Amino acid sequence: MDRTQKFFRLLDRKTRARVLACIHSISLGSFDLLDIRALSGFPDTYRCRIGDIRIIFQKFPNGNSVIDVGFRKDVYKRLKR
């Protein structure tokens, strides 16, 4: 079982549904109702905030790619590696 699967098992149903809906919106490029900010020092890399959960993704001309999903402190630590 990989890290993402373990993370999703920790979440309750309601939070898991919110995170999956956010990932779906990111993949479609629909950012209207999401809390999106650019990450400094990382070109074309953004984060979406859902409480203490962060979704890190990159924007590309042909679509978006989710890099990591996790709790705030863990995601940023893994991003700097």
Protein backbone atom coordinates (compact mmCIF):
# COMPACT_ATOMS: atom_id res chain seq x y z
CA MET A 1 0.00 0.00 0.00
CA ASP A 2 1.50 3.34 -1.00
CA ARG A 3 1.52 6.61 0.93
CA THR A 4 -1.51 8.10 -0.85
CA GLN A 5 -3.70 5.09 -0.09
CA LYS A 6 -2.69 5.22 3.57
CA PHE A 7 -3.50 8.93 3.67
CA PHE A 8 -6.98 8.39 2.23
CA ARG A 9 -7.66 5.62 4.74
CA LEU A 10 -7.05 8.14 7.56
CA LEU A 11 -9.74 10.49 6.30
CA ASP A 12 -13.41 10.30 7.16
CA ARG A 13 -15.91 9.90 4.32
CA LYS A 14 -16.91 13.54 4.09
CA THR A 15 -13.33 14.84 3.96
CA ARG A 16 -12.31 12.14 1.49
CA ALA A 17 -15.18 13.17 -0.80
CA ARG A 18 -14.12 16.85 -0.59
CA VAL A 19 -10.50 16.00 -1.45
CA LEU A 20 -11.51 13.79 -4.38
CA ALA A 21 -13.87 16.50 -5.68
CA CYS A 22 -11.02 19.01 -5.50
CA ILE A 23 -8.69 16.66 -7.38
CA HIS A 24 -11.37 16.19 -10.02
CA SER A 25 -11.80 19.97 -10.38
CA ILE A 26 -8.02 20.41 -10.71
CA SER A 27 -7.85 17.76 -13.42
CA LEU A 28 -10.62 19.55 -15.34
CA GLY A 29 -8.97 22.95 -14.86
CA SER A 30 -11.94 24.41 -12.99
CA PHE A 31 -10.44 26.58 -10.22
CA ASP A 32 -13.42 28.88 -9.53
CA LEU A 33 -14.35 27.77 -6.01
CA LEU A 34 -10.95 26.40 -4.91
CA ASP A 35 -8.37 28.02 -2.62
CA ILE A 36 -5.40 27.98 -5.03
CA ARG A 37 -2.05 29.72 -4.55
CA ALA A 38 1.24 29.56 -6.42
CA LEU A 39 4.22 28.06 -4.57
CA SER A 40 7.23 30.34 -4.55
CA GLY A 41 10.43 28.78 -5.81
CA PHE A 42 8.62 26.15 -7.86
CA PRO A 43 7.63 27.22 -11.40
CA ASP A 44 4.07 26.36 -12.46
CA THR A 45 3.46 24.60 -9.13
CA TYR A 46 0.38 25.39 -7.05
CA ARG A 47 -1.39 24.21 -3.93
CA CYS A 48 -5.05 23.75 -3.17
CA ARG A 49 -6.06 24.07 0.48
CA ILE A 50 -8.82 22.09 2.15
CA GLY A 51 -8.45 22.77 5.89
CA ASP A 52 -5.16 21.13 6.96
CA ILE A 53 -4.96 19.13 3.73
CA ARG A 54 -2.94 20.34 0.77
CA ILE A 55 -3.02 19.16 -2.83
CA ILE A 56 0.14 20.08 -4.71
CA PHE A 57 -0.17 20.18 -8.50
CA GLN A 58 1.46 21.56 -11.62
CA LYS A 59 -0.24 23.36 -14.49
CA PHE A 60 0.65 22.31 -18.02
CA PRO A 61 -0.75 23.57 -21.34
CA ASN A 62 -2.45 20.22 -22.01
CA GLY A 63 -3.73 19.66 -18.44
CA ASN A 64 -2.81 19.56 -14.78
CA SER A 65 -0.89 16.95 -12.82
CA VAL A 66 -1.35 16.26 -9.11
CA ILE A 67 2.05 15.78 -7.45
CA ASP A 68 1.15 15.08 -3.83
CA VAL A 69 -1.78 15.00 -1.41
CA GLY A 70 -1.41 15.11 2.35
CA PHE A 71 -1.49 17.07 5.55
CA ARG A 72 0.08 20.51 5.51
CA LYS A 73 3.41 19.87 7.25
CA ASP A 74 4.07 16.54 5.54
CA VAL A 75 3.39 17.74 2.00
CA TYR A 76 5.73 20.71 2.19
CA LYS A 77 8.52 18.60 3.72
CA ARG A 78 8.26 16.07 0.90
CA LEU A 79 8.16 18.82 -1.73
CA LYS A 80 11.55 20.20 -0.73
CA ARG A 81 13.34 16.87 -1.24
